[in-house]
């Protein structure tokens, strides 16, 4: 990864500083970052080779290494562009995994680059399993790599397998200052599982929210925010308000603003526990803002990120 690797190396000292403070509770680190930068925007990095700027995808047809190099350069360029406007980035692992081993190296390079730029890094992998498999997932993303920091500050996980499947991730939160975002009510339209009615009439996702609140109560930082957060789709505004009531100490990760149709006004109720009690994820509307505009891709991404930052902060009421 020529561009990514070179830039990451140049910022090695900054990465070491990040590693030194990584053991602080995740909720505390989010609160400090949000209040310092006055932004709750998280920019998603879902790099599809076919949608990259022409200047980057020109050699992608040469093979997986060239594709991954283009992806790494794109992610680093987006980080450079949106860094002043965002508190973090969320990397969707599937887009990197699709490129094989070179893609996973691009993922690592992008994580290191974003951390060196002072951004929180969320790996969007929706991982969970039982026993040794869950421990391996936790080690892969949330535990230090020798003398290097963990690949990510936080990981999205699927709580529908129960407490046992999440225990290794919770242990990483306690030991390493990692964060989790548990899928509770996702942004997709299908509700055939999450909205199933329980015997008391409540939807299943609300019971899951109760469990997430219980697990997260064990790992609350000095700022009153838990290291165990919840993914709640901004495309379901009423669910955002209900999730906030059920999860008063959790950081809500709210995807769906932008290309999926949600607006900053839809998520205002997510911030009633404080300015850092929710993070808003926007992806395609930011990283592909250049398409059809004629603007440079970095300029377009910066413009859209700046707009969203202002509107989200205003909607949050802080």
Protein backbone atom coordinates (compact mmCIF):
# COMPACT_ATOMS: atom_id res chain seq x y z
CA UNK A 1 0.00 0.00 0.00
CA UNK A 2 2.28 2.74 -1.26
CA UNK A 3 0.42 5.88 -0.19
CA UNK A 4 -1.20 4.44 2.94
CA UNK A 5 1.95 2.76 4.22
CA UNK A 6 4.13 5.80 3.62
CA UNK A 7 1.77 8.18 5.36
CA UNK A 8 1.17 5.82 8.27
CA UNK A 9 4.91 5.52 8.77
CA UNK A 10 5.27 9.29 8.81
CA UNK A 11 2.72 9.47 11.62
CA UNK A 12 4.14 6.65 13.75
CA UNK A 13 4.78 8.94 16.68
CA UNK A 14 1.14 10.02 16.76
CA UNK A 15 0.04 6.39 16.72
CA UNK A 16 2.24 5.69 19.74
CA UNK A 17 0.60 8.54 21.60
CA UNK A 18 -2.80 7.06 20.71
CA UNK A 19 -1.69 3.67 22.02
CA UNK A 20 -0.63 5.16 25.33
CA UNK A 21 -4.09 6.51 26.06
CA UNK A 22 -6.10 3.67 24.56
CA UNK A 23 -6.72 2.05 27.93
CA UNK A 24 -8.96 4.93 29.03
CA UNK A 25 -12.63 3.90 29.04
CA UNK A 26 -14.10 4.13 25.56
CA UNK A 27 -17.02 6.25 26.72
CA UNK A 28 -14.63 8.76 28.25
CA UNK A 29 -12.58 8.94 25.06
CA UNK A 30 -15.69 9.56 22.98
CA UNK A 31 -16.88 12.28 25.35
CA UNK A 32 -13.51 14.02 25.30
CA UNK A 33 -13.24 13.85 21.51
CA UNK A 34 -16.78 15.11 20.87
CA UNK A 35 -16.48 17.99 23.28
CA UNK A 36 -13.03 18.96 21.99
CA UNK A 37 -13.95 18.90 18.29
CA UNK A 38 -17.64 19.81 18.70
CA UNK A 39 -18.77 17.16 16.26
CA UNK A 40 -20.65 13.85 16.49
CA UNK A 41 -20.10 12.90 12.85
CA UNK A 42 -18.60 9.52 12.00
CA UNK A 43 -17.73 9.07 8.34
CA UNK A 44 -18.18 5.58 6.97
CA UNK A 45 -15.51 4.11 4.71
CA UNK A 46 -17.21 1.64 2.37
CA UNK A 47 -14.80 1.75 -0.58
CA UNK A 48 -16.27 0.15 -3.69
CA UNK A 49 -13.66 0.05 -6.46
CA UNK A 50 -16.25 0.75 -9.16
CA UNK A 51 -17.22 4.02 -7.46
CA UNK A 52 -13.75 5.39 -6.79
CA UNK A 53 -12.57 8.55 -8.56
CA UNK A 54 -11.19 7.89 -12.03
CA UNK A 55 -7.69 8.93 -10.97
CA UNK A 56 -7.62 6.09 -8.41
CA UNK A 57 -9.36 3.26 -10.20
CA UNK A 58 -7.37 3.56 -13.42
CA UNK A 59 -5.04 0.64 -12.62
CA UNK A 60 -7.44 -1.36 -10.48
CA UNK A 61 -8.01 -3.85 -13.31
CA UNK A 62 -4.42 -5.03 -12.89
CA UNK A 63 -5.35 -7.23 -9.93
CA UNK A 64 -6.07 -7.42 -6.19
CA UNK A 65 -2.91 -5.54 -5.17
CA UNK A 66 -3.75 -2.62 -7.44
CA UNK A 67 -7.37 -2.60 -6.25
CA UNK A 68 -6.31 -2.58 -2.62
CA UNK A 69 -3.78 0.18 -3.26
CA UNK A 70 -6.52 2.32 -4.83
CA UNK A 71 -8.79 1.63 -1.86
CA UNK A 72 -6.07 2.55 0.66
CA UNK A 73 -5.29 5.78 -1.17
CA UNK A 74 -8.99 6.66 -1.30
CA UNK A 75 -9.51 6.01 2.42
CA UNK A 76 -6.44 8.04 3.38
CA UNK A 77 -7.59 10.87 1.13
CA UNK A 78 -11.05 10.86 2.72
CA UNK A 79 -9.50 10.90 6.19
CA UNK A 80 -7.39 13.91 5.20
CA UNK A 81 -10.46 15.67 3.83
CA UNK A 82 -13.00 15.03 6.59
CA UNK A 83 -10.67 14.82 9.59
CA UNK A 84 -11.40 18.35 10.84
CA UNK A 85 -15.18 17.76 10.66
CA UNK A 86 -15.50 14.22 12.05
CA UNK A 87 -14.89 12.57 15.40
CA UNK A 88 -14.25 9.18 13.86
CA UNK A 89 -14.47 6.83 10.91
CA UNK A 90 -16.36 3.55 10.54
CA UNK A 91 -14.75 1.03 8.22
CA UNK A 92 -17.07 -1.60 6.77
CA UNK A 93 -14.96 -4.75 6.74
CA UNK A 94 -16.82 -6.45 3.89
CA UNK A 95 -15.46 -4.01 1.30
CA UNK A 96 -11.90 -4.78 2.37
CA UNK A 97 -12.40 -8.52 2.80
CA UNK A 98 -13.71 -8.71 -0.77
CA UNK A 99 -10.20 -7.85 -1.97
CA UNK A 100 -8.55 -10.72 -0.10
CA UNK A 101 -5.27 -10.41 1.76
CA UNK A 102 -4.30 -7.09 0.08
CA UNK A 103 -7.67 -5.68 1.10
CA UNK A 104 -7.12 -6.60 4.74
CA UNK A 105 -3.75 -4.83 4.60
CA UNK A 106 -5.56 -1.79 3.17
CA UNK A 107 -7.97 -2.01 6.11
CA UNK A 108 -5.08 -2.00 8.59
CA UNK A 109 -3.39 0.89 6.81
CA UNK A 110 -6.61 2.92 6.83
CA UNK A 111 -7.19 2.21 10.53
CA UNK A 112 -3.66 3.27 11.43
CA UNK A 113 -3.87 6.35 9.26
CA UNK A 114 -7.18 7.46 10.77
CA UNK A 115 -5.91 6.93 14.31
CA UNK A 116 -2.76 8.91 13.52
CA UNK A 117 -5.02 11.71 12.28
CA UNK A 118 -6.69 11.81 15.70
CA UNK A 119 -9.91 10.03 14.73
CA UNK A 120 -11.66 7.25 16.60
CA UNK A 121 -11.77 4.03 14.56
CA UNK A 122 -14.86 1.81 14.48
CA UNK A 123 -14.56 -1.54 12.70
CA UNK A 124 -17.97 -2.42 11.30
CA UNK A 125 -17.79 -6.20 11.27
CA UNK A 126 -20.95 -7.21 13.17
CA UNK A 127 -18.99 -10.01 14.77
CA UNK A 128 -20.14 -12.53 17.38
CA UNK A 129 -19.76 -16.23 18.03
CA UNK A 130 -19.20 -18.61 20.89
CA UNK A 131 -16.13 -19.73 22.81
CA UNK A 132 -12.73 -19.59 21.14
CA UNK A 133 -14.15 -18.02 17.96
CA UNK A 134 -15.41 -14.97 19.82
CA UNK A 135 -12.08 -14.70 21.61
CA UNK A 136 -10.30 -14.74 18.25
CA UNK A 137 -12.54 -11.97 16.90
CA UNK A 138 -11.88 -9.86 20.00
CA UNK A 139 -8.14 -10.42 19.67
CA UNK A 140 -8.23 -9.55 15.97
CA UNK A 141 -9.84 -6.14 16.37
CA UNK A 142 -9.78 -4.95 19.98
CA UNK A 143 -6.52 -6.16 21.51
CA UNK A 144 -2.98 -4.80 21.02
CA UNK A 145 -0.82 -6.36 18.30
CA UNK A 146 2.42 -6.76 20.20
CA UNK A 147 3.73 -3.24 20.64
CA UNK A 148 1.13 -1.83 18.22
CA UNK A 149 -2.33 -0.61 19.23
CA UNK A 150 -5.51 -2.57 18.48
CA UNK A 151 -6.75 -2.33 14.92
CA UNK A 152 -9.85 -0.46 16.09
CA UNK A 153 -11.12 1.52 19.06
CA UNK A 154 -14.53 -0.12 18.79
CA UNK A 155 -16.26 -2.96 16.96
CA UNK A 156 -19.86 -3.57 15.94
CA UNK A 157 -21.16 -6.88 17.32
CA UNK A 158 -24.33 -8.94 17.04
CA UNK A 159 -25.90 -9.55 20.48
CA UNK A 160 -28.57 -11.94 19.22
CA UNK A 161 -26.36 -14.91 20.15
CA UNK A 162 -26.51 -13.91 23.82
CA UNK A 163 -24.15 -12.92 26.61
CA UNK A 164 -21.77 -15.86 26.12
CA UNK A 165 -20.94 -14.77 22.59
CA UNK A 166 -20.07 -11.24 23.75
CA UNK A 167 -18.06 -12.00 26.88
CA UNK A 168 -14.64 -11.90 25.12
CA UNK A 169 -15.55 -8.50 23.65
CA UNK A 170 -16.73 -7.22 27.03
CA UNK A 171 -13.44 -8.42 28.51
CA UNK A 172 -11.58 -6.33 25.91
CA UNK A 173 -13.64 -3.32 26.99
CA UNK A 174 -12.64 -3.84 30.60
CA UNK A 175 -8.95 -4.58 29.94
CA UNK A 176 -8.11 -2.52 26.86
CA UNK A 177 -10.52 0.41 26.93
CA UNK A 178 -12.27 -0.91 23.81
CA UNK A 179 -15.80 -0.07 22.77
CA UNK A 180 -18.68 -2.13 21.40
CA UNK A 181 -21.71 -1.16 19.39
CA UNK A 182 -24.36 -3.87 19.64
CA UNK A 183 -26.91 -4.23 16.86
CA UNK A 184 -30.24 -3.32 18.44
CA UNK A 185 -32.53 -1.77 15.81
CA UNK A 186 -30.75 -1.53 12.47
CA UNK A 187 -31.36 0.96 9.67
CA UNK A 188 -32.57 -1.53 7.06
CA UNK A 189 -36.28 -1.74 6.35
CA UNK A 190 -36.70 -5.44 7.18
CA UNK A 191 -38.06 -5.95 10.67
CA UNK A 192 -39.10 -9.59 10.44
CA UNK A 193 -36.82 -10.55 13.35
CA UNK A 194 -36.09 -7.38 15.31
CA UNK A 195 -39.74 -6.31 15.38
CA UNK A 196 -41.19 -9.70 16.41
CA UNK A 197 -43.72 -9.16 19.21
CA UNK A 198 -42.90 -10.74 22.57
CA UNK A 199 -45.55 -12.11 24.92
CA UNK A 200 -45.80 -8.71 26.64
CA UNK A 201 -46.35 -6.96 23.30
CA UNK A 202 -42.94 -5.33 23.08
CA UNK A 203 -40.80 -5.85 19.96
CA UNK A 204 -37.80 -8.15 20.32
CA UNK A 205 -35.31 -5.34 19.75
CA UNK A 206 -36.43 -3.62 22.94
CA UNK A 207 -35.64 -6.74 24.96
CA UNK A 208 -32.21 -6.78 23.33
CA UNK A 209 -31.82 -3.11 24.30
CA UNK A 210 -32.56 -4.04 27.92
CA UNK A 211 -29.82 -6.69 27.80
CA UNK A 212 -27.33 -4.27 26.25
CA UNK A 213 -28.09 -1.76 29.01
CA UNK A 214 -27.48 -4.47 31.61
CA UNK A 215 -24.16 -5.52 30.08
CA UNK A 216 -23.03 -1.94 29.62
CA UNK A 217 -23.80 -0.94 33.20
CA UNK A 218 -20.71 -2.92 34.21
CA UNK A 219 -18.37 -0.71 32.15
CA UNK A 220 -19.28 2.95 32.66
CA UNK A 221 -16.56 5.60 32.55
CA UNK A 222 -16.14 8.69 34.66
CA UNK A 223 -18.16 10.73 32.15
CA UNK A 224 -21.24 8.55 32.69
CA UNK A 225 -21.10 6.82 29.30
CA UNK A 226 -20.75 3.08 28.89
CA UNK A 227 -18.20 1.33 26.70
CA UNK A 228 -21.09 -0.78 25.38
CA UNK A 229 -23.14 1.18 22.87
CA UNK A 230 -25.98 0.34 20.51
CA UNK A 231 -26.58 0.60 16.79
CA UNK A 232 -29.98 2.18 16.14
CA UNK A 233 -30.97 3.19 12.63
CA UNK A 234 -31.61 6.89 12.11
CA UNK A 235 -34.17 5.75 9.55
CA UNK A 236 -36.42 4.83 12.52
CA UNK A 237 -36.78 8.13 14.43
CA UNK A 238 -39.29 6.81 16.95
CA UNK A 239 -36.99 3.88 17.73
CA UNK A 240 -34.14 6.34 18.35
CA UNK A 241 -36.17 8.03 21.08
CA UNK A 242 -37.24 4.74 22.61
CA UNK A 243 -33.69 3.37 22.51
CA UNK A 244 -32.45 6.49 24.28
CA UNK A 245 -34.99 5.86 27.06
CA UNK A 246 -33.98 2.20 27.39
CA UNK A 247 -30.24 2.87 27.14
CA UNK A 248 -29.53 6.06 29.12
CA UNK A 249 -25.79 5.39 29.52
CA UNK A 250 -25.09 3.91 26.09
CA UNK A 251 -23.56 5.73 23.16
CA UNK A 252 -25.95 5.30 20.25
CA UNK A 253 -24.39 4.78 16.83
CA UNK A 254 -26.95 6.12 14.38
CA UNK A 255 -26.42 5.07 10.74
CA UNK A 256 -28.74 5.99 7.90
CA UNK A 257 -28.29 9.76 7.58
CA UNK A 258 -27.72 10.79 3.98
CA UNK A 259 -28.05 8.18 1.26
CA UNK A 260 -30.52 6.05 3.26
CA UNK A 261 -32.84 9.01 3.66
CA UNK A 262 -32.62 10.02 7.32
CA UNK A 263 -31.87 13.62 8.28
CA UNK A 264 -30.15 15.14 11.35
CA UNK A 265 -33.56 16.19 12.64
CA UNK A 266 -34.57 12.52 12.82
CA UNK A 267 -31.99 11.73 15.47
CA UNK A 268 -32.33 14.72 17.82
CA UNK A 269 -33.80 12.57 20.61
CA UNK A 270 -30.67 10.43 20.64
CA UNK A 271 -28.66 13.17 22.38
CA UNK A 272 -30.66 13.71 25.55
CA UNK A 273 -27.96 11.99 27.63
CA UNK A 274 -25.34 14.52 26.51
CA UNK A 275 -23.55 15.78 23.39
CA UNK A 276 -21.45 12.61 23.14
CA UNK A 277 -24.27 10.17 23.86
CA UNK A 278 -24.84 9.57 20.15
CA UNK A 279 -22.63 9.37 17.08
CA UNK A 280 -24.09 9.82 13.61
CA UNK A 281 -22.66 7.71 10.80
CA UNK A 282 -22.84 8.96 7.22
CA UNK A 283 -21.11 7.11 4.41
CA UNK A 284 -22.10 7.29 0.75
CA UNK A 285 -23.40 10.84 0.95
CA UNK A 286 -19.93 11.94 2.10
CA UNK A 287 -17.36 9.72 0.43
CA UNK A 288 -19.11 9.76 -2.94
CA UNK A 289 -20.30 13.37 -2.77
CA UNK A 290 -18.17 14.13 -5.82
CA UNK A 291 -20.21 11.94 -8.15
CA UNK A 292 -22.23 14.07 -10.55
CA UNK A 293 -20.90 17.35 -9.16
CA UNK A 294 -17.67 17.89 -11.06
CA UNK A 295 -15.90 18.71 -7.81
CA UNK A 296 -12.64 17.18 -6.66
CA UNK A 297 -13.53 14.13 -4.53
CA UNK A 298 -11.75 15.42 -1.46
CA UNK A 299 -13.31 18.88 -1.74
CA UNK A 300 -16.77 17.39 -2.16
CA UNK A 301 -16.32 15.07 0.84
CA UNK A 302 -15.16 17.97 3.02
CA UNK A 303 -18.12 20.11 1.99
CA UNK A 304 -20.70 17.43 2.78
CA UNK A 305 -18.99 16.48 6.06
CA UNK A 306 -18.91 20.12 7.15
CA UNK A 307 -22.61 20.53 6.34
CA UNK A 308 -23.56 17.41 8.28
CA UNK A 309 -21.38 18.38 11.22
CA UNK A 310 -23.16 21.71 11.58
CA UNK A 311 -26.64 20.26 11.19
CA UNK A 312 -26.04 17.35 13.58
CA UNK A 313 -24.56 19.60 16.27
CA UNK A 314 -27.52 21.95 15.95
CA UNK A 315 -30.01 19.07 16.08
CA UNK A 316 -28.31 17.66 19.16
CA UNK A 317 -29.25 20.77 21.10
CA UNK A 318 -25.84 21.27 22.62
